[in-house]
Protein backbone atom coordinates (compact mmCIF):
# COMPACT_ATOMS: atom_id res chain seq x y z
CA MET A 1 134.53 92.56 86.59
CA ASP A 2 133.24 93.71 83.67
CA ILE A 3 129.92 95.51 83.32
CA GLN A 4 128.50 92.09 81.29
CA SER A 5 129.23 90.29 84.35
CA TRP A 6 127.21 92.27 86.78
CA ILE A 7 123.97 91.76 84.45
CA PRO A 8 122.57 88.43 86.09
CA ILE A 9 123.32 89.70 89.41
CA VAL A 10 120.82 92.75 88.87
CA TYR A 11 118.35 90.00 87.33
CA LEU A 12 118.78 88.00 90.30
CA VAL A 13 118.12 91.74 92.49
CA ALA A 14 115.52 92.29 90.38
CA ALA A 15 113.64 88.33 90.82
CA VAL A 16 114.07 88.80 94.28
CA SER A 17 112.08 92.71 94.31
CA PHE A 18 109.68 90.81 92.21
CA ILE A 19 109.10 87.81 95.10
CA LEU A 20 109.00 90.75 98.18
CA GLY A 21 106.82 92.47 96.17
CA LEU A 22 104.43 89.94 95.58
CA LYS A 23 104.70 89.45 99.06
CA GLY A 24 104.13 92.55 100.02
CA LEU A 25 100.78 93.13 97.81
CA SER A 26 99.12 90.37 100.35
CA GLY A 27 98.39 93.14 102.98
CA PRO A 28 96.95 96.07 102.90
CA THR A 29 99.56 97.94 104.97
CA THR A 30 102.30 96.83 102.95
CA ALA A 31 100.73 96.71 99.80
CA VAL A 32 102.04 100.29 98.73
CA MET A 33 105.58 99.15 99.74
CA GLY A 34 105.38 95.91 98.12
CA ASN A 35 104.33 97.82 94.60
CA ARG A 36 107.30 100.13 95.16
CA ILE A 37 109.30 97.46 95.86
CA ALA A 38 108.36 95.30 92.16
CA ALA A 39 108.41 98.55 90.42
CA THR A 40 111.84 99.31 91.47
CA GLY A 41 112.67 95.69 90.61
CA MET A 42 111.55 96.26 87.31
CA LEU A 43 113.06 99.41 86.51
CA LEU A 44 116.23 97.37 87.41
CA ALA A 45 116.12 94.71 85.14
CA VAL A 46 115.24 97.35 82.38
CA ALA A 47 118.20 99.24 82.80
CA ALA A 48 120.19 96.50 82.71
CA THR A 49 119.07 95.34 79.66
CA PHE A 50 120.18 98.40 77.63
CA PHE A 51 123.95 96.90 78.62
CA ASP A 52 123.02 93.63 77.89
CA ARG A 53 125.48 92.68 74.78
CA THR A 54 123.37 90.46 73.39
CA PHE A 55 120.55 93.83 73.41
CA GLN A 56 123.50 95.94 71.84
CA GLU A 57 124.20 93.72 68.89
CA TYR A 58 120.76 94.80 67.58
CA GLY A 59 122.29 97.97 66.68
CA THR A 60 121.41 101.57 67.71
CA ASN A 61 117.78 101.43 65.93
CA ALA A 62 116.81 98.71 68.10
CA LEU A 63 117.85 100.79 71.14
CA TRP A 64 116.00 103.99 69.84
CA LEU A 65 112.87 101.55 69.03
CA THR A 66 113.12 100.31 72.50
CA ALA A 67 113.11 103.49 74.06
CA GLY A 68 109.84 104.96 72.37
CA GLY A 69 108.29 101.94 73.24
CA MET A 70 109.20 102.48 76.49
CA VAL A 71 108.35 105.96 76.54
CA ILE A 72 104.87 105.29 75.07
CA GLY A 73 104.02 102.82 77.09
CA GLY A 74 105.00 104.85 80.49
CA VAL A 75 103.11 107.60 79.31
CA ALA A 76 100.18 105.10 78.76
CA GLY A 77 100.68 103.92 82.19
CA VAL A 78 101.21 106.99 84.31
CA ALA A 79 98.47 108.68 81.96
CA GLY A 80 95.89 105.29 83.14
CA GLY A 81 96.78 105.03 86.55
CA ARG A 82 96.15 109.00 87.33
CA LEU A 83 92.98 109.14 85.08
CA VAL A 84 90.95 105.95 85.28
CA LYS A 85 88.63 105.82 87.91
CA MET A 86 88.78 103.19 90.82
CA THR A 87 85.66 101.76 89.45
CA ALA A 88 86.79 101.17 85.84
CA MET A 89 90.04 99.37 87.78
CA PRO A 90 88.42 95.82 86.17
CA GLN A 91 88.60 97.26 82.82
CA MET A 92 92.36 98.72 83.51
CA VAL A 93 93.18 94.91 84.54
CA ALA A 94 92.10 93.59 81.44
CA LEU A 95 93.60 96.10 79.42
CA PHE A 96 97.18 95.10 81.95
CA ASN A 97 95.98 91.80 81.31
CA GLY A 98 96.16 91.89 76.99
CA ALA A 99 98.81 93.67 76.67
CA GLY A 100 100.91 90.86 78.65
CA GLY A 101 99.79 88.15 76.57
CA GLY A 102 99.84 90.03 72.91
CA SER A 103 103.65 91.36 73.63
CA ALA A 104 104.49 87.36 74.85
CA ALA A 105 102.43 86.29 71.53
CA LEU A 106 104.61 88.93 69.29
CA VAL A 107 107.90 87.96 71.21
CA SER A 108 107.02 84.35 69.97
CA ILE A 109 106.54 85.63 66.12
CA LEU A 110 109.59 87.66 65.75
CA GLU A 111 111.85 84.47 67.49
CA TYR A 112 110.70 82.13 65.00
CA MET A 113 111.54 84.50 62.11
CA HIS A 114 114.65 85.04 63.43
CA ALA A 115 115.76 81.76 63.72
CA GLY A 116 114.37 80.72 60.41
CA GLU A 117 116.60 83.72 58.72
CA THR A 118 119.43 82.26 60.97
CA GLY A 119 118.19 78.47 60.53
CA THR A 120 118.65 77.85 63.90
CA HIS A 121 114.99 76.20 64.47
CA GLU A 122 115.65 73.31 67.31
CA TRP A 123 112.29 71.67 68.61
CA GLY A 124 112.80 72.51 72.38
CA SER A 125 112.85 76.36 71.49
CA VAL A 126 110.20 76.00 69.12
CA LEU A 127 107.90 74.14 71.57
CA SER A 128 108.24 77.18 73.95
CA THR A 129 107.67 79.24 70.91
CA VAL A 130 104.25 77.89 70.05
CA LEU A 131 103.23 77.79 74.03
CA GLY A 132 104.04 81.28 74.23
CA LEU A 133 101.77 82.38 70.78
CA ILE A 134 98.88 80.34 71.39
CA ILE A 135 98.89 81.20 75.41
CA GLY A 136 99.55 84.75 74.52
CA GLY A 137 97.21 84.71 71.96
CA ILE A 138 94.35 83.31 73.86
CA SER A 139 95.02 86.11 76.68
CA PHE A 140 95.09 88.70 74.02
CA ALA A 141 91.78 88.27 72.57
CA GLY A 142 90.09 86.90 76.02
CA SER A 143 91.06 89.97 77.73
CA ALA A 144 89.82 92.31 74.70
CA ILE A 145 86.60 90.80 75.22
CA ALA A 146 86.42 91.03 78.90
CA PHE A 147 87.53 94.38 78.48
CA GLY A 148 84.58 95.11 76.11
CA LYS A 149 82.31 93.22 78.45
CA LEU A 150 83.30 95.03 81.57
CA GLN A 151 83.29 98.52 79.54
CA GLY A 152 79.57 97.89 78.15
CA ILE A 153 80.86 97.71 74.31
CA ILE A 154 80.03 94.21 74.45
CA SER A 155 76.78 92.93 76.12
CA ALA A 156 77.50 91.23 79.73
CA ARG A 157 75.40 88.52 79.18
CA ALA A 158 76.84 85.07 78.49
CA TYR A 159 76.61 84.36 74.58
CA LYS A 160 74.56 80.98 73.76
CA TYR A 161 74.81 79.48 70.29
CA PRO A 162 73.93 76.49 68.72
CA GLY A 163 76.81 73.62 68.50
CA GLN A 164 78.89 75.99 70.70
CA ALA A 165 80.57 73.30 72.28
CA LEU A 166 81.78 71.76 69.16
CA VAL A 167 82.74 74.63 68.02
CA THR A 168 85.06 75.16 71.12
CA VAL A 169 86.73 71.97 71.02
CA ALA A 170 87.44 72.42 67.00
CA VAL A 171 89.02 75.34 67.05
CA PHE A 172 91.25 73.87 70.46
CA ALA A 173 91.89 70.63 68.66
CA SER A 174 93.08 72.53 65.37
CA THR A 175 95.47 74.67 67.80
CA ILE A 176 96.67 71.77 69.25
CA VAL A 177 97.32 69.89 66.10
CA LEU A 178 99.27 73.03 64.27
CA GLY A 179 101.30 73.66 67.11
CA ALA A 180 102.41 69.96 67.05
CA ALA A 181 103.28 70.47 63.27
CA LEU A 182 105.06 73.69 64.11
CA VAL A 183 107.34 71.38 66.60
CA LEU A 184 107.80 68.55 64.30
CA ASN A 185 108.76 70.61 61.27
CA ALA A 186 111.60 71.63 63.17
CA ALA A 187 112.37 68.46 64.80
CA GLY A 188 112.88 67.18 61.37
CA ALA A 189 109.80 64.50 61.24
CA ILE A 190 107.58 66.73 58.71
CA ALA A 191 108.00 69.45 56.13
CA ILE A 192 105.45 72.31 56.07
CA ASP A 193 105.96 76.14 55.70
CA GLY A 194 106.37 77.18 59.31
CA ALA A 195 105.92 81.00 58.41
CA THR A 196 102.68 80.27 56.88
CA VAL A 197 101.57 77.71 59.91
CA LEU A 198 102.50 80.43 62.44
CA TRP A 199 99.74 82.78 61.22
CA ILE A 200 97.50 80.56 60.40
CA LEU A 201 98.00 79.00 64.50
CA LEU A 202 98.18 82.93 65.67
CA GLY A 203 95.01 83.45 64.31
CA LEU A 204 93.48 80.12 65.92
CA ALA A 205 94.49 81.18 69.05
CA LEU A 206 92.91 84.94 68.81
CA VAL A 207 89.75 83.15 67.83
CA PHE A 208 90.21 80.45 70.94
CA GLY A 209 90.28 82.95 72.93
CA VAL A 210 86.94 84.90 71.48
CA VAL A 211 84.89 81.46 71.88
CA LEU A 212 86.17 80.97 75.03
CA VAL A 213 85.33 84.40 76.80
CA MET A 214 82.02 85.25 75.18
CA PRO A 215 79.63 82.33 76.27
CA ILE A 216 80.75 83.63 79.92
CA GLY A 217 78.60 86.63 81.47
CA GLY A 218 79.56 89.49 83.55
CA ALA A 219 78.99 87.81 86.99
CA ASP A 220 81.68 85.43 86.34
CA MET A 221 84.84 88.11 85.32
CA PRO A 222 86.44 88.07 88.35
CA VAL A 223 87.28 84.24 87.64
CA VAL A 224 87.80 85.00 84.08
CA ILE A 225 90.06 87.82 84.75
CA SER A 226 92.13 85.95 87.40
CA LEU A 227 92.32 83.02 84.77
CA LEU A 228 93.70 85.74 81.78
CA ASN A 229 96.38 87.09 84.87
CA ALA A 230 97.68 83.57 85.00
CA TYR A 231 97.52 82.99 80.77
CA THR A 232 99.48 85.96 80.44
CA GLY A 233 102.10 84.86 82.92
CA LEU A 234 102.38 81.80 81.88
CA ALA A 235 103.17 83.26 78.17
CA VAL A 236 105.59 85.30 79.61
CA ALA A 237 107.39 82.45 81.28
CA MET A 238 107.30 81.00 77.50
CA ALA A 239 108.96 83.98 76.22
CA GLY A 240 111.63 83.99 78.85
CA PHE A 241 112.19 80.40 77.89
CA VAL A 242 112.24 81.50 73.90
CA LEU A 243 114.89 84.52 74.59
CA ASN A 244 116.65 82.63 77.21
CA ASN A 245 115.80 85.12 80.28
CA HIS A 246 115.98 83.93 83.50
CA LEU A 247 114.13 87.18 85.01
CA LEU A 248 111.01 86.65 82.51
CA ILE A 249 111.21 82.82 83.23
CA VAL A 250 110.75 84.00 87.01
CA ALA A 251 108.32 86.85 86.80
CA GLY A 252 106.19 84.98 84.67
CA THR A 253 105.67 81.64 86.57
CA LEU A 254 105.25 84.27 89.74
CA VAL A 255 102.54 85.84 87.63
CA GLY A 256 101.23 82.35 86.29
CA ALA A 257 101.35 80.81 89.89
CA ALA A 258 99.44 83.69 91.67
CA GLY A 259 96.75 83.72 88.88
CA THR A 260 96.02 80.32 88.78
CA ILE A 261 95.67 80.12 93.19
CA LEU A 262 93.60 83.08 92.73
CA THR A 263 91.52 81.66 89.93
CA GLN A 264 90.67 78.42 92.43
CA LEU A 265 89.78 80.05 95.48
CA MET A 266 87.11 82.08 93.05
CA SER A 267 85.75 78.89 91.62
CA LYS A 268 85.49 77.71 95.39
CA ALA A 269 84.27 80.93 96.74
CA MET A 270 81.23 80.18 93.96
CA ASN A 271 81.01 76.66 94.75
CA ARG A 272 81.73 76.10 90.76
CA SER A 273 84.35 73.96 89.31
CA LEU A 274 86.59 76.07 86.62
CA ALA A 275 84.99 74.04 83.88
CA ASN A 276 81.70 75.02 84.86
CA VAL A 277 82.42 78.75 84.96
CA LEU A 278 83.93 78.85 81.26
CA PHE A 279 81.70 76.24 79.58
CA ALA A 280 78.28 76.00 81.46
CA GLY A 281 77.84 79.58 81.94
CA VAL A 282 74.89 79.76 84.69
CA GLY A 283 72.77 82.69 84.16
CA ALA A 284 72.05 82.39 80.66
CA ALA A 285 68.65 83.50 81.27
CA ALA A 286 69.37 86.18 83.43
CA GLY A 287 67.48 89.43 83.78
CA ALA A 288 63.98 87.98 84.34
CA ALA A 289 62.20 90.07 86.68
CA VAL A 290 61.25 88.72 90.34
CA GLY A 291 57.17 89.46 90.88
CA PRO A 292 56.25 91.19 94.36
CA LYS A 293 54.51 88.08 95.36
CA SER A 294 55.59 84.84 96.07
CA ASP A 295 53.55 81.92 95.59
CA ASP A 296 53.05 81.04 99.48
CA GLY A 297 51.64 84.93 99.35
CA ARG A 298 54.58 86.52 101.14
CA THR A 299 55.03 90.24 99.81
CA VAL A 300 58.06 92.24 98.62
CA ARG A 301 58.05 95.34 101.34
CA GLU A 302 59.32 98.88 99.95
CA VAL A 303 61.19 101.37 102.64
CA SER A 304 61.69 104.92 102.03
CA ALA A 305 64.87 106.44 102.95
CA GLU A 306 63.14 107.90 105.97
CA ASP A 307 62.64 104.45 106.99
CA THR A 308 65.87 103.21 106.25
CA ALA A 309 67.36 106.25 107.93
CA ILE A 310 65.59 105.86 111.59
CA LEU A 311 66.18 102.28 111.42
CA LEU A 312 70.10 102.75 111.09
CA GLY A 313 70.05 105.67 113.52
CA TYR A 314 68.88 103.87 115.92
CA ALA A 315 71.06 100.04 115.60
CA GLN A 316 73.92 99.52 117.48
CA GLN A 317 75.14 97.06 115.04
CA VAL A 318 75.18 97.22 111.39
CA ILE A 319 76.96 95.21 108.24
CA VAL A 320 77.05 97.02 104.84
CA VAL A 321 76.90 94.53 102.14
CA PRO A 322 78.56 95.85 98.82
CA GLY A 323 78.31 94.43 95.23
CA TYR A 324 78.58 95.19 91.84
CA GLY A 325 75.18 97.52 91.84
CA MET A 326 77.48 100.10 94.86
CA ALA A 327 80.17 99.81 92.03
CA VAL A 328 78.37 100.81 88.80
CA ALA A 329 76.58 103.71 90.80
CA GLN A 330 79.82 104.84 92.52
CA ALA A 331 78.16 105.16 95.63
CA GLN A 332 81.43 104.30 97.58
CA HIS A 333 81.98 108.08 98.81
CA ALA A 334 78.18 108.39 99.64
CA VAL A 335 78.48 104.84 101.74
CA ARG A 336 81.67 106.14 103.37
CA GLU A 337 79.57 109.70 104.33
CA LEU A 338 76.56 107.72 105.81
CA ALA A 339 79.26 105.45 107.55
CA ASP A 340 80.54 108.54 109.03
CA LEU A 341 77.23 109.68 110.22
CA LEU A 342 76.28 106.49 112.14
CA GLU A 343 79.64 106.21 113.62
CA SER A 344 78.76 109.39 115.07
CA ARG A 345 75.90 107.98 116.42
CA GLY A 346 77.68 105.43 118.04
CA VAL A 347 76.91 102.92 115.58
CA ASN A 348 79.64 100.27 114.80
CA VAL A 349 79.71 100.09 111.36
CA ARG A 350 81.67 97.39 109.14
CA TYR A 351 81.41 95.82 105.77
CA ALA A 352 80.75 92.05 104.87
CA ILE A 353 83.24 91.73 101.39
CA HIS A 354 81.76 88.13 99.26
CA PRO A 355 85.02 86.82 97.28
CA VAL A 356 83.11 87.37 93.91
CA ALA A 357 81.26 90.28 94.83
CA GLY A 358 81.87 92.72 92.01
CA ARG A 359 84.31 92.16 88.17
CA MET A 360 87.63 91.62 89.82
CA PRO A 361 89.42 89.99 92.73
CA GLY A 362 89.03 92.19 95.21
CA HIS A 363 87.16 94.86 93.22
CA MET A 364 84.89 95.75 96.79
CA ASN A 365 87.94 96.01 98.61
CA VAL A 366 89.35 98.33 95.96
CA LEU A 367 86.48 100.52 95.55
CA LEU A 368 86.27 100.97 99.23
CA ALA A 369 89.61 101.53 100.03
CA GLU A 370 89.24 103.86 97.45
CA ALA A 371 86.79 106.06 99.60
CA ASN A 372 88.95 106.00 102.29
CA ILE A 373 86.88 103.64 104.23
CA PRO A 374 89.89 101.73 107.44
CA TYR A 375 90.89 98.17 106.18
CA GLU A 376 90.33 96.42 109.32
CA LYS A 377 86.95 97.35 108.72
CA LEU A 378 86.73 95.62 105.08
CA LEU A 379 86.17 91.83 106.78
CA ASP A 380 85.74 88.65 104.51
CA MET A 381 83.14 86.34 104.25
CA GLU A 382 84.47 83.36 107.03
CA GLN A 383 85.36 86.58 109.02
CA ILE A 384 82.21 87.88 109.84
CA ASN A 385 79.24 85.41 108.44
CA ASP A 386 78.90 84.33 111.92
CA ASP A 387 78.16 87.96 113.51
CA PHE A 388 75.22 88.82 110.61
CA LYS A 389 72.97 86.81 113.93
CA ASN A 390 73.95 89.64 116.11
CA THR A 391 73.69 92.56 113.60
CA ASP A 392 70.53 95.26 114.20
CA VAL A 393 70.96 96.29 110.22
CA ALA A 394 71.92 94.81 107.17
CA LEU A 395 72.33 97.04 104.48
CA VAL A 396 72.81 95.75 101.22
CA ILE A 397 73.89 97.72 98.40
CA GLY A 398 74.16 96.12 94.73
CA ALA A 399 74.56 92.68 95.76
CA ASN A 400 72.33 89.62 94.74
CA ASP A 401 72.92 85.76 94.12
CA VAL A 402 75.63 86.44 96.71
CA THR A 403 73.00 86.72 99.73
CA ASN A 404 70.40 84.77 98.40
CA PRO A 405 69.10 82.14 100.95
CA ALA A 406 68.40 79.77 97.91
CA ALA A 407 72.07 79.05 97.85
CA ARG A 408 71.71 77.14 101.21
CA ALA A 409 68.35 75.68 101.16
CA ASP A 410 66.96 74.97 97.37
CA ARG A 411 68.39 71.86 95.99
CA SER A 412 66.79 72.86 92.57
CA SER A 413 68.66 76.61 92.39
CA PRO A 414 71.82 76.76 89.92
CA ILE A 415 73.24 78.04 92.89
CA TYR A 416 72.93 76.02 95.26
CA GLY A 417 76.10 74.67 97.17
CA MET A 418 77.45 78.59 96.77
CA PRO A 419 79.07 79.75 99.92
CA ILE A 420 76.85 83.47 100.52
CA LEU A 421 76.79 85.74 103.01
CA ASN A 422 74.14 85.22 106.16
CA VAL A 423 72.18 88.43 105.61
CA ASP A 424 69.25 86.83 106.30
CA GLN A 425 70.19 86.01 109.85
CA SER A 426 70.26 89.76 110.76
CA ARG A 427 67.43 91.27 112.66
CA ASN A 428 66.26 93.50 109.63
CA ILE A 429 67.62 94.01 106.34
CA VAL A 430 67.41 96.60 104.10
CA VAL A 431 68.14 96.06 100.06
CA ILE A 432 68.91 98.97 97.62
CA LYS A 433 68.72 98.25 94.52
CA ARG A 434 67.60 99.47 91.08
CA SER A 435 64.67 97.17 90.89
CA MET A 436 63.34 93.65 91.44
CA ARG A 437 64.92 92.45 88.35
CA SER A 438 67.14 89.08 89.23
CA GLY A 439 70.94 88.99 89.32
CA PHE A 440 73.19 87.08 87.07
CA ALA A 441 72.07 83.80 88.24
CA GLY A 442 68.52 84.57 86.87
CA ILE A 443 66.45 83.46 89.67
CA ASP A 444 64.59 85.11 92.30
CA ASN A 445 65.97 86.55 95.71
CA GLU A 446 64.82 84.55 98.75
CA LEU A 447 65.98 87.54 100.74
CA TYR A 448 63.48 90.27 99.10
CA LEU A 449 60.50 88.66 100.53
CA ASP A 450 61.50 87.55 103.83
CA PRO A 451 59.57 89.68 106.04
CA LYS A 452 62.62 91.65 107.67
CA THR A 453 63.62 92.91 104.22
CA GLY A 454 62.54 96.87 103.28
CA MET A 455 63.29 97.33 99.30
CA LEU A 456 64.81 100.67 98.79
CA PHE A 457 64.36 101.67 95.17
CA GLY A 458 66.89 103.24 93.32
CA ASP A 459 70.35 104.56 92.23
CA ALA A 460 72.72 103.36 94.97
CA LYS A 461 74.25 106.36 95.09
CA ALA A 462 71.13 108.77 95.06
CA ALA A 463 69.47 106.36 97.66
CA VAL A 464 72.11 106.44 100.23
CA GLU A 465 72.70 110.45 99.88
CA LYS A 466 68.95 110.32 100.41
CA VAL A 467 69.07 108.62 103.74
CA VAL A 468 72.20 110.55 104.53
CA GLN A 469 70.28 114.09 103.98
CA GLU A 470 67.43 112.10 106.17
CA LEU A 471 69.83 111.42 109.04
CA LYS A 472 71.55 114.77 108.99
CA ARG A 473 68.03 116.13 109.18
CA ALA A 474 67.01 113.67 112.58
CA ALA A 475 70.57 114.98 114.28
């Protein structure tokens, strides 16, 4: 049995490793092992590729070029994994999505050109090439815009302009028409300059990625990132069809399916359709300031760090509700110190995680886990929502719309119907917030006018640290 006969077997082992790795990533206790299993499978796949006769036929130059690319990518990956802070994980995920989509698009371009040189254009292969190019290009450009919004290079607001829907439809339709033209050209139905059309198609795919993501605001980034992840997986699967590589097809399908399911779950958690997230742009007027007084005479009650420390110190049940404000302030370690102090006083501290809190799927879980907060204390909305009514203090840190009771009661609210955390049912509520500015939905949060709510204004990290100091002083 020669080495070429072993390569499909190694690919099969690698594919199984990807499946087992994905299964391992579904739970916190098995996540590290799942990651290692998947990485091992990828290492096996790469090693087997170097021995593949088809690859070796490209010659020594291709070997060195591939090895050089692996070194550059490996160094960048290790450096990113070690140097990038946990608070910047959404940006890193966006970059990974873009890199995968861009790679798939490049594979499509090169294979189309190679087939043109050898005169082996077949409509089935060209169809896979076109799909890989379009989806990969959209993923690359969309991920670049998502990265810019998350990093602050581009404003996170939802960009709106006259004729937006018309532009989006026109770009999409043009992309489909040119893609179909390339397939028909390969089938011999029409005659066009395929190479020129291919480059135009790439440009349209990139433009579509931009016009698709630019109108989406920062608070919808969790849905966008999971959707772009699905796009990248599909693009990789198409590259697998183009290269006749079963492993790429399996890996891409896994990523595409996982991303699609996650996108659906995230949209459901917001009680919005995916089309609404992509094209409606709830929150275009985000950032309005909430007044200190409501129409019915209710007022916002401000509290100090000392007041908060006393309230927390004498509580028995505390639920922390983290949000994007905690991530921006990098307050997770201060929150852990506060929880440790409270637990040393016999207080039961848990964390309520809303599915769309933060800027990527699982954003709050990643940040709190990085602060070594036990994962069993991080509870999903369904697990903890009924416990708020028996909670002495709900401590909201940087979360806004996901705590707004208007989602339950106000049919005119743009977030009506969105599942929220039942913070308003707690006996006492403390909200740590920089100012009275509204959240992404651009509406007042009724929670802030609740007589049980105290507003502790300031940077989340600085505010929590002040509460910690007051607790230590009172000990």
